[in-house]
Amino acid sequence: MSMTSEIASEPSVSPPPQAESEARAKMTSRGVEVHYGAKRALHGIDVDILQHEVLALIGPSGCGKSTFLRCLNRMNDTIEGCKVTGEMTLDGGNIYDKALDVVQLRARVGMVFQKPNPFPKSIYDNIAYGPRIHGLAGGKEELDGIVQSSLERAGLWEEVKDRLSEPGTGLSGGQQQRLCIARAVAVSPEVILMDEPCSALDPIATAHIEELIDELRVNYTIVIVTHNMQQAARVSQKTAFFHLGDLVEHKETQEIFTNPQDERTQGYITGRYG
């Protein structure tokens, strides 16, 4: 019997907050450590990433936040000498299971990188590429629908609907980043990882991406690495502060910024270091 049904059958008993959190967790990390050769980059990270929430990872450069993000879809597998230990799950399943298909994992846990990286293909083919290789479309009409709906979700359809055959690389920086988000969305992921998605964009394009993140949260779980604390405060429900490979604090975003419990967090958000 699932935890949810057990709770439902005993309405007079409220679950402890930790149990409720685990029931809603889309992904979990328990004791996760990362070594690059002899260097330990992450020190036993424990965190729950809840469904339909935005989790912001903040901290000074080199603190481990991007390393942790890359653990969530096994992008660290591509780095020679990198070793990940501990347990990390998606819907309760171990994503580091040797039998797991990493290609399928990365379809479920999509990623948007720091710099927009559209394929050197048409706007249409940038979006259609993933659905084609994963066999998600039964024909041209279905593929057209996926392309349109993905561009609509990324807030880009009206701007590009009459130029789908033009190169994606011809779009502005902000449009290219939204194209990359549409490309990630096209394979129907459950989680979207964003590594400093606005750092190369101007303020207007950044505002578009931030609005988009809030809209996407309805359908997806989102984890974003950002160096911009104001951005973390605007877009996230939970924030995790990393420092020198440690997860120092992880709680409601408002609480992190108004009532941090650790002096390291206090020092970072007040600008004493970073």
C-alpha atoms as a PDB file:
ATOM      1  CA  MET A   1       0.000   0.000   0.000  1.00  0.00           C
ATOM      2  CA  SER A   2       1.360   3.433  -0.857  1.00  0.00           C
ATOM      3  CA  MET A   3       2.142   6.077   1.714  1.00  0.00           C
ATOM      4  CA  THR A   4      -0.634   8.256   0.294  1.00  0.00           C
ATOM      5  CA  SER A   5      -3.322   5.580   0.636  1.00  0.00           C
ATOM      6  CA  GLU A   6      -2.206   4.748   4.185  1.00  0.00           C
ATOM      7  CA  ILE A   7      -2.567   8.375   5.162  1.00  0.00           C
ATOM      8  CA  ALA A   8      -5.968   8.602   3.446  1.00  0.00           C
ATOM      9  CA  SER A   9      -7.291   5.600   5.390  1.00  0.00           C
ATOM     10  CA  GLU A  10      -6.420   7.268   8.711  1.00  0.00           C
ATOM     11  CA  PRO A  11      -7.599  10.869   8.339  1.00  0.00           C
ATOM     12  CA  SER A  12      -7.116  11.629  12.027  1.00  0.00           C
ATOM     13  CA  VAL A  13      -3.366  11.091  11.790  1.00  0.00           C
ATOM     14  CA  SER A  14      -1.309  13.796  10.081  1.00  0.00           C
ATOM     15  CA  PRO A  15       1.966  12.724   8.471  1.00  0.00           C
ATOM     16  CA  PRO A  16       5.130  14.266   9.877  1.00  0.00           C
ATOM     17  CA  PRO A  17       6.493  17.069   7.638  1.00  0.00           C
ATOM     18  CA  GLN A  18       9.407  14.903   6.439  1.00  0.00           C
ATOM     19  CA  ALA A  19       7.068  12.081   5.337  1.00  0.00           C
ATOM     20  CA  GLU A  20       4.822  14.559   3.535  1.00  0.00           C
ATOM     21  CA  SER A  21       7.882  16.034   1.785  1.00  0.00           C
ATOM     22  CA  GLU A  22       9.083  12.592   0.672  1.00  0.00           C
ATOM     23  CA  ALA A  23       5.601  11.764  -0.652  1.00  0.00           C
ATOM     24  CA  ARG A  24       5.739  14.840  -2.911  1.00  0.00           C
ATOM     25  CA  ALA A  25       9.395  14.478  -3.877  1.00  0.00           C
ATOM     26  CA  LYS A  26      10.033  14.086  -7.592  1.00  0.00           C
ATOM     27  CA  MET A  27      13.749  13.542  -7.060  1.00  0.00           C
ATOM     28  CA  THR A  28      15.783  12.816  -3.940  1.00  0.00           C
ATOM     29  CA  SER A  29      19.464  12.908  -3.056  1.00  0.00           C
ATOM     30  CA  ARG A  30      20.870  10.988  -0.105  1.00  0.00           C
ATOM     31  CA  GLY A  31      24.529  11.118   0.869  1.00  0.00           C
ATOM     32  CA  VAL A  32      25.617  12.135  -2.629  1.00  0.00           C
ATOM     33  CA  GLU A  33      29.329  12.778  -2.982  1.00  0.00           C
ATOM     34  CA  VAL A  34      31.247  13.674  -6.128  1.00  0.00           C
ATOM     35  CA  HIS A  35      34.976  13.209  -6.639  1.00  0.00           C
ATOM     36  CA  TYR A  36      37.001  14.562  -9.545  1.00  0.00           C
ATOM     37  CA  GLY A  37      39.993  12.287  -9.204  1.00  0.00           C
ATOM     38  CA  ALA A  38      41.277  12.806  -5.642  1.00  0.00           C
ATOM     39  CA  LYS A  39      39.340  16.053  -5.143  1.00  0.00           C
ATOM     40  CA  ARG A  40      35.980  15.817  -3.359  1.00  0.00           C
ATOM     41  CA  ALA A  41      33.574  18.362  -4.865  1.00  0.00           C
ATOM     42  CA  LEU A  42      30.379  17.470  -2.967  1.00  0.00           C
ATOM     43  CA  HIS A  43      30.116  16.293   0.636  1.00  0.00           C
ATOM     44  CA  GLY A  44      27.136  14.026   1.337  1.00  0.00           C
ATOM     45  CA  ILE A  45      24.244  16.023  -0.136  1.00  0.00           C
ATOM     46  CA  ASP A  46      20.726  15.245   1.162  1.00  0.00           C
ATOM     47  CA  VAL A  47      17.840  17.068  -0.514  1.00  0.00           C
ATOM     48  CA  ASP A  48      14.272  16.470  -1.737  1.00  0.00           C
ATOM     49  CA  ILE A  49      13.156  18.179  -4.953  1.00  0.00           C
ATOM     50  CA  LEU A  50       9.382  18.519  -4.847  1.00  0.00           C
ATOM     51  CA  GLN A  51       6.974  18.138  -7.746  1.00  0.00           C
ATOM     52  CA  HIS A  52       5.901  21.323  -9.548  1.00  0.00           C
ATOM     53  CA  GLU A  53       8.266  23.522  -7.597  1.00  0.00           C
ATOM     54  CA  VAL A  54      11.274  25.559  -8.644  1.00  0.00           C
ATOM     55  CA  LEU A  55      14.390  24.825  -6.593  1.00  0.00           C
ATOM     56  CA  ALA A  56      17.128  27.455  -6.894  1.00  0.00           C
ATOM     57  CA  LEU A  57      20.741  26.444  -6.197  1.00  0.00           C
ATOM     58  CA  ILE A  58      22.821  29.407  -5.039  1.00  0.00           C
ATOM     59  CA  GLY A  59      26.334  29.923  -3.700  1.00  0.00           C
ATOM     60  CA  PRO A  60      29.733  31.341  -4.637  1.00  0.00           C
ATOM     61  CA  SER A  61      31.630  30.139  -7.700  1.00  0.00           C
ATOM     62  CA  GLY A  62      33.110  26.672  -7.260  1.00  0.00           C
ATOM     63  CA  CYS A  63      30.781  25.756  -4.383  1.00  0.00           C
ATOM     64  CA  GLY A  64      29.342  22.642  -6.078  1.00  0.00           C
ATOM     65  CA  LYS A  65      25.942  23.840  -7.244  1.00  0.00           C
ATOM     66  CA  SER A  66      26.495  23.089 -10.955  1.00  0.00           C
ATOM     67  CA  THR A  67      28.189  19.805 -10.054  1.00  0.00           C
ATOM     68  CA  PHE A  68      25.063  18.810  -8.110  1.00  0.00           C
ATOM     69  CA  LEU A  69      22.799  19.906 -10.981  1.00  0.00           C
ATOM     70  CA  ARG A  70      24.726  17.679 -13.403  1.00  0.00           C
ATOM     71  CA  CYS A  71      24.255  14.714 -11.052  1.00  0.00           C
ATOM     72  CA  LEU A  72      20.497  14.925 -11.604  1.00  0.00           C
ATOM     73  CA  ASN A  73      20.688  13.712 -15.211  1.00  0.00           C
ATOM     74  CA  ARG A  74      24.101  12.043 -15.027  1.00  0.00           C
ATOM     75  CA  MET A  75      25.878  14.648 -17.116  1.00  0.00           C
ATOM     76  CA  ASN A  76      28.880  14.067 -14.855  1.00  0.00           C
ATOM     77  CA  ASP A  77      29.189  10.655 -16.527  1.00  0.00           C
ATOM     78  CA  THR A  78      30.749  12.491 -19.466  1.00  0.00           C
ATOM     79  CA  ILE A  79      33.618  13.877 -17.338  1.00  0.00           C
ATOM     80  CA  GLU A  80      36.684  11.649 -17.148  1.00  0.00           C
ATOM     81  CA  GLY A  81      37.702  10.777 -13.601  1.00  0.00           C
ATOM     82  CA  CYS A  82      34.399  11.866 -12.076  1.00  0.00           C
ATOM     83  CA  LYS A  83      32.881   9.479  -9.516  1.00  0.00           C
ATOM     84  CA  VAL A  84      29.428   9.878  -7.961  1.00  0.00           C
ATOM     85  CA  THR A  85      28.459   7.936  -4.822  1.00  0.00           C
ATOM     86  CA  GLY A  86      25.351   7.925  -2.648  1.00  0.00           C
ATOM     87  CA  GLU A  87      21.763   7.551  -3.843  1.00  0.00           C
ATOM     88  CA  MET A  88      19.769   9.727  -6.200  1.00  0.00           C
ATOM     89  CA  THR A  89      16.220   8.833  -7.243  1.00  0.00           C
ATOM     90  CA  LEU A  90      13.581   9.892  -9.756  1.00  0.00           C
ATOM     91  CA  ASP A  91      10.071   8.808  -8.717  1.00  0.00           C
ATOM     92  CA  GLY A  92      11.726   6.437  -6.249  1.00  0.00           C
ATOM     93  CA  GLY A  93      13.949   4.718  -8.840  1.00  0.00           C
ATOM     94  CA  ASN A  94      17.746   4.881  -8.545  1.00  0.00           C
ATOM     95  CA  ILE A  95      19.013   6.925 -11.492  1.00  0.00           C
ATOM     96  CA  TYR A  96      22.523   5.479 -11.054  1.00  0.00           C
ATOM     97  CA  ASP A  97      21.282   1.899 -11.516  1.00  0.00           C
ATOM     98  CA  LYS A  98      23.617   0.209 -14.022  1.00  0.00           C
ATOM     99  CA  ALA A  99      20.600  -1.131 -15.930  1.00  0.00           C
ATOM    100  CA  LEU A 100      19.139   2.336 -16.449  1.00  0.00           C
ATOM    101  CA  ASP A 101      19.133   3.770 -19.988  1.00  0.00           C
ATOM    102  CA  VAL A 102      20.851   7.159 -19.624  1.00  0.00           C
ATOM    103  CA  VAL A 103      19.319   8.410 -22.898  1.00  0.00           C
ATOM    104  CA  GLN A 104      15.839   7.781 -21.493  1.00  0.00           C
ATOM    105  CA  LEU A 105      16.817   9.432 -18.204  1.00  0.00           C
ATOM    106  CA  ARG A 106      17.897  12.572 -20.054  1.00  0.00           C
ATOM    107  CA  ALA A 107      14.587  12.604 -21.918  1.00  0.00           C
ATOM    108  CA  ARG A 108      12.811  12.614 -18.527  1.00  0.00           C
ATOM    109  CA  VAL A 109      15.266  15.101 -16.993  1.00  0.00           C
ATOM    110  CA  GLY A 110      15.995  17.733 -19.635  1.00  0.00           C
ATOM    111  CA  MET A 111      18.669  20.411 -19.444  1.00  0.00           C
ATOM    112  CA  VAL A 112      19.065  24.016 -20.568  1.00  0.00           C
ATOM    113  CA  PHE A 113      22.636  25.310 -20.511  1.00  0.00           C
ATOM    114  CA  GLN A 114      24.224  28.629 -19.610  1.00  0.00           C
ATOM    115  CA  LYS A 115      24.758  29.759 -23.189  1.00  0.00           C
ATOM    116  CA  PRO A 116      22.018  29.183 -25.776  1.00  0.00           C
ATOM    117  CA  ASN A 117      23.130  26.260 -27.932  1.00  0.00           C
ATOM    118  CA  PRO A 118      20.659  25.750 -30.782  1.00  0.00           C
ATOM    119  CA  PHE A 119      21.570  23.049 -33.275  1.00  0.00           C
ATOM    120  CA  PRO A 120      22.829  24.305 -36.671  1.00  0.00           C
ATOM    121  CA  LYS A 121      19.440  23.371 -38.109  1.00  0.00           C
ATOM    122  CA  SER A 122      16.144  25.087 -38.841  1.00  0.00           C
ATOM    123  CA  ILE A 123      13.933  26.269 -35.993  1.00  0.00           C
ATOM    124  CA  TYR A 124      11.533  23.421 -36.841  1.00  0.00           C
ATOM    125  CA  ASP A 125      14.261  20.765 -36.838  1.00  0.00           C
ATOM    126  CA  ASN A 126      15.697  22.006 -33.541  1.00  0.00           C
ATOM    127  CA  ILE A 127      12.385  21.102 -31.899  1.00  0.00           C
ATOM    128  CA  ALA A 128      11.620  18.019 -33.993  1.00  0.00           C
ATOM    129  CA  TYR A 129      15.011  16.366 -33.405  1.00  0.00           C
ATOM    130  CA  GLY A 130      14.238  14.900 -29.964  1.00  0.00           C
ATOM    131  CA  PRO A 131      10.729  13.613 -30.760  1.00  0.00           C
ATOM    132  CA  ARG A 132      12.105  11.970 -33.922  1.00  0.00           C
ATOM    133  CA  ILE A 133      14.924  10.062 -32.201  1.00  0.00           C
ATOM    134  CA  HIS A 134      12.665   9.027 -29.301  1.00  0.00           C
ATOM    135  CA  GLY A 135       9.848   7.944 -31.641  1.00  0.00           C
ATOM    136  CA  LEU A 136       7.308  10.283 -30.055  1.00  0.00           C
ATOM    137  CA  ALA A 137       5.501  11.264 -33.263  1.00  0.00           C
ATOM    138  CA  GLY A 138       3.500   8.928 -35.478  1.00  0.00           C
ATOM    139  CA  GLY A 139       3.766  11.122 -38.574  1.00  0.00           C
ATOM    140  CA  LYS A 140       4.316  14.617 -39.956  1.00  0.00           C
ATOM    141  CA  GLU A 141       1.026  15.990 -38.627  1.00  0.00           C
ATOM    142  CA  GLU A 142       1.751  14.779 -35.091  1.00  0.00           C
ATOM    143  CA  LEU A 143       5.298  16.122 -35.275  1.00  0.00           C
ATOM    144  CA  ASP A 144       3.986  19.504 -36.451  1.00  0.00           C
ATOM    145  CA  GLY A 145       1.734  19.551 -33.395  1.00  0.00           C
ATOM    146  CA  ILE A 146       4.623  18.789 -31.033  1.00  0.00           C
ATOM    147  CA  VAL A 147       6.730  21.549 -32.603  1.00  0.00           C
ATOM    148  CA  GLN A 148       3.940  24.097 -32.292  1.00  0.00           C
ATOM    149  CA  SER A 149       2.960  23.187 -28.730  1.00  0.00           C
ATOM    150  CA  SER A 150       6.610  23.202 -27.584  1.00  0.00           C
ATOM    151  CA  LEU A 151       7.208  26.639 -29.082  1.00  0.00           C
ATOM    152  CA  GLU A 152       3.958  27.866 -27.524  1.00  0.00           C
ATOM    153  CA  ARG A 153       5.035  26.615 -24.095  1.00  0.00           C
ATOM    154  CA  ALA A 154       8.329  28.433 -24.518  1.00  0.00           C
ATOM    155  CA  GLY A 155       6.504  31.639 -25.468  1.00  0.00           C
ATOM    156  CA  LEU A 156       8.123  31.680 -28.905  1.00  0.00           C
ATOM    157  CA  TRP A 157       5.465  30.477 -31.353  1.00  0.00           C
ATOM    158  CA  GLU A 158       4.053  33.871 -32.344  1.00  0.00           C
ATOM    159  CA  GLU A 159       7.555  35.197 -33.028  1.00  0.00           C
ATOM    160  CA  VAL A 160       8.723  32.332 -35.251  1.00  0.00           C
ATOM    161  CA  LYS A 161       5.630  30.636 -36.712  1.00  0.00           C
ATOM    162  CA  ASP A 162       6.252  32.174 -40.163  1.00  0.00           C
ATOM    163  CA  ARG A 163       9.986  31.375 -40.213  1.00  0.00           C
ATOM    164  CA  LEU A 164      10.225  27.771 -39.029  1.00  0.00           C
ATOM    165  CA  SER A 165      12.537  26.863 -41.925  1.00  0.00           C
ATOM    166  CA  GLU A 166      15.077  29.547 -40.972  1.00  0.00           C
ATOM    167  CA  PRO A 167      18.182  28.637 -38.907  1.00  0.00           C
ATOM    168  CA  GLY A 168      17.740  28.628 -35.150  1.00  0.00           C
ATOM    169  CA  THR A 169      21.135  30.310 -34.886  1.00  0.00           C
ATOM    170  CA  GLY A 170      19.644  33.394 -36.576  1.00  0.00           C
ATOM    171  CA  LEU A 171      17.444  34.220 -33.595  1.00  0.00           C
ATOM    172  CA  SER A 172      18.372  36.734 -30.891  1.00  0.00           C
ATOM    173  CA  GLY A 173      20.082  35.466 -27.731  1.00  0.00           C
ATOM    174  CA  GLY A 174      16.879  35.481 -25.697  1.00  0.00           C
ATOM    175  CA  GLN A 175      14.939  33.787 -28.483  1.00  0.00           C
ATOM    176  CA  GLN A 176      17.677  31.159 -28.834  1.00  0.00           C
ATOM    177  CA  GLN A 177      17.421  30.357 -25.112  1.00  0.00           C
ATOM    178  CA  ARG A 178      13.632  30.002 -25.398  1.00  0.00           C
ATOM    179  CA  LEU A 179      14.212  27.772 -28.431  1.00  0.00           C
ATOM    180  CA  CYS A 180      16.468  25.586 -26.281  1.00  0.00           C
ATOM    181  CA  ILE A 181      13.747  25.437 -23.616  1.00  0.00           C
ATOM    182  CA  ALA A 182      11.220  24.458 -26.304  1.00  0.00           C
ATOM    183  CA  ARG A 183      13.644  21.779 -27.493  1.00  0.00           C
ATOM    184  CA  ALA A 184      13.886  20.401 -23.950  1.00  0.00           C
ATOM    185  CA  VAL A 185      10.098  20.461 -23.527  1.00  0.00           C
ATOM    186  CA  ALA A 186       9.477  18.691 -26.860  1.00  0.00           C
ATOM    187  CA  VAL A 187      10.400  15.240 -25.494  1.00  0.00           C
ATOM    188  CA  SER A 188       7.888  15.585 -22.626  1.00  0.00           C
ATOM    189  CA  PRO A 189      10.344  15.709 -19.710  1.00  0.00           C
ATOM    190  CA  GLU A 190       9.233  15.600 -16.089  1.00  0.00           C
ATOM    191  CA  VAL A 191      12.122  17.676 -14.714  1.00  0.00           C
ATOM    192  CA  ILE A 192      13.943  20.593 -16.361  1.00  0.00           C
ATOM    193  CA  LEU A 193      17.434  21.561 -15.198  1.00  0.00           C
ATOM    194  CA  MET A 194      18.663  25.078 -15.954  1.00  0.00           C
ATOM    195  CA  ASP A 195      22.313  26.036 -15.474  1.00  0.00           C
ATOM    196  CA  GLU A 196      22.552  29.852 -15.274  1.00  0.00           C
ATOM    197  CA  PRO A 197      20.041  30.168 -18.154  1.00  0.00           C
ATOM    198  CA  CYS A 198      19.986  33.983 -18.101  1.00  0.00           C
ATOM    199  CA  SER A 199      23.656  34.834 -17.518  1.00  0.00           C
ATOM    200  CA  ALA A 200      24.264  35.598 -21.210  1.00  0.00           C
ATOM    201  CA  LEU A 201      21.006  37.534 -21.705  1.00  0.00           C
ATOM    202  CA  ASP A 202      19.958  41.170 -21.427  1.00  0.00           C
ATOM    203  CA  PRO A 203      17.427  42.272 -18.761  1.00  0.00           C
ATOM    204  CA  ILE A 204      14.411  42.124 -21.106  1.00  0.00           C
ATOM    205  CA  ALA A 205      15.244  38.601 -22.312  1.00  0.00           C
ATOM    206  CA  THR A 206      15.926  37.591 -18.702  1.00  0.00           C
ATOM    207  CA  ALA A 207      12.452  38.800 -17.673  1.00  0.00           C
ATOM    208  CA  HIS A 208      10.922  36.672 -20.454  1.00  0.00           C
ATOM    209  CA  ILE A 209      12.772  33.567 -19.218  1.00  0.00           C
ATOM    210  CA  GLU A 210      11.768  34.217 -15.607  1.00  0.00           C
ATOM    211  CA  GLU A 211       8.088  34.547 -16.571  1.00  0.00           C
ATOM    212  CA  LEU A 212       8.428  31.362 -18.581  1.00  0.00           C
ATOM    213  CA  ILE A 213       9.918  29.457 -15.615  1.00  0.00           C
ATOM    214  CA  ASP A 214       6.899  30.394 -13.508  1.00  0.00           C
ATOM    215  CA  GLU A 215       4.520  29.183 -16.241  1.00  0.00           C
ATOM    216  CA  LEU A 216       6.427  25.932 -16.807  1.00  0.00           C
ATOM    217  CA  ARG A 217       6.266  25.057 -13.111  1.00  0.00           C
ATOM    218  CA  VAL A 218       2.600  24.085 -13.581  1.00  0.00           C
ATOM    219  CA  ASN A 219       3.683  21.075 -15.664  1.00  0.00           C
ATOM    220  CA  TYR A 220       7.307  20.468 -14.724  1.00  0.00           C
ATOM    221  CA  THR A 221       9.654  20.307 -11.758  1.00  0.00           C
ATOM    222  CA  ILE A 222      12.486  22.810 -12.271  1.00  0.00           C
ATOM    223  CA  VAL A 223      15.967  23.096 -10.753  1.00  0.00           C
ATOM    224  CA  ILE A 224      17.884  26.267 -11.585  1.00  0.00           C
ATOM    225  CA  VAL A 225      21.459  27.253 -10.800  1.00  0.00           C
ATOM    226  CA  THR A 226      21.781  31.022 -10.576  1.00  0.00           C
ATOM    227  CA  HIS A 227      24.395  33.479  -9.345  1.00  0.00           C
ATOM    228  CA  ASN A 228      21.684  36.143  -9.219  1.00  0.00           C
ATOM    229  CA  MET A 229      20.059  36.107  -5.775  1.00  0.00           C
ATOM    230  CA  GLN A 230      17.281  38.448  -6.870  1.00  0.00           C
ATOM    231  CA  GLN A 231      16.447  35.970  -9.603  1.00  0.00           C
ATOM    232  CA  ALA A 232      16.387  33.091  -7.118  1.00  0.00           C
ATOM    233  CA  ALA A 233      14.007  35.112  -4.934  1.00  0.00           C
ATOM    234  CA  ARG A 234      11.733  35.872  -7.893  1.00  0.00           C
ATOM    235  CA  VAL A 235      11.432  32.451  -9.527  1.00  0.00           C
ATOM    236  CA  SER A 236      11.842  29.768  -6.836  1.00  0.00           C
ATOM    237  CA  GLN A 237       9.776  28.292  -4.038  1.00  0.00           C
ATOM    238  CA  LYS A 238      12.751  26.560  -2.380  1.00  0.00           C
ATOM    239  CA  THR A 239      16.401  27.602  -2.296  1.00  0.00           C
ATOM    240  CA  ALA A 240      19.489  25.537  -1.484  1.00  0.00           C
ATOM    241  CA  PHE A 241      22.686  27.347  -0.487  1.00  0.00           C
ATOM    242  CA  PHE A 242      25.949  25.546  -1.274  1.00  0.00           C
ATOM    243  CA  HIS A 243      29.366  26.460   0.142  1.00  0.00           C
ATOM    244  CA  LEU A 244      32.654  24.632  -0.479  1.00  0.00           C
ATOM    245  CA  GLY A 245      30.872  21.424  -1.471  1.00  0.00           C
ATOM    246  CA  ASP A 246      28.440  21.434   1.468  1.00  0.00           C
ATOM    247  CA  LEU A 247      24.686  21.972   1.325  1.00  0.00           C
ATOM    248  CA  VAL A 248      24.448  24.561   4.100  1.00  0.00           C
ATOM    249  CA  GLU A 249      20.729  25.363   4.054  1.00  0.00           C
ATOM    250  CA  HIS A 250      17.708  24.176   2.053  1.00  0.00           C
ATOM    251  CA  LYS A 251      14.316  25.664   2.816  1.00  0.00           C
ATOM    252  CA  GLU A 252      11.560  28.008   1.643  1.00  0.00           C
ATOM    253  CA  THR A 253      13.087  30.758  -0.487  1.00  0.00           C
ATOM    254  CA  GLN A 254      11.565  33.570   1.547  1.00  0.00           C
ATOM    255  CA  GLU A 255      12.979  32.100   4.750  1.00  0.00           C
ATOM    256  CA  ILE A 256      16.468  31.696   3.268  1.00  0.00           C
ATOM    257  CA  PHE A 257      16.552  35.375   2.315  1.00  0.00           C
ATOM    258  CA  THR A 258      14.849  36.827   5.389  1.00  0.00           C
ATOM    259  CA  ASN A 259      15.876  34.468   8.180  1.00  0.00           C
ATOM    260  CA  PRO A 260      18.969  32.405   7.308  1.00  0.00           C
ATOM    261  CA  GLN A 261      20.046  30.075  10.095  1.00  0.00           C
ATOM    262  CA  ASP A 262      23.721  29.694   9.209  1.00  0.00           C
ATOM    263  CA  GLU A 263      26.241  32.544   9.338  1.00  0.00           C
ATOM    264  CA  ARG A 264      27.676  31.389   5.979  1.00  0.00           C
ATOM    265  CA  THR A 265      24.274  31.884   4.347  1.00  0.00           C
ATOM    266  CA  GLN A 266      23.907  35.254   6.055  1.00  0.00           C
ATOM    267  CA  GLY A 267      27.352  36.313   4.826  1.00  0.00           C
ATOM    268  CA  TYR A 268      26.603  35.309   1.234  1.00  0.00           C
ATOM    269  CA  ILE A 269      23.168  36.896   0.879  1.00  0.00           C
ATOM    270  CA  THR A 270      24.377  40.143   2.468  1.00  0.00           C
ATOM    271  CA  GLY A 271      27.308  40.310   0.061  1.00  0.00           C
ATOM    272  CA  ARG A 272      30.138  39.832   2.544  1.00  0.00           C
ATOM    273  CA  TYR A 273      31.622  37.217   0.216  1.00  0.00           C
ATOM    274  CA  GLY A 274      30.750  35.455  -3.027  1.00  0.00           C
END
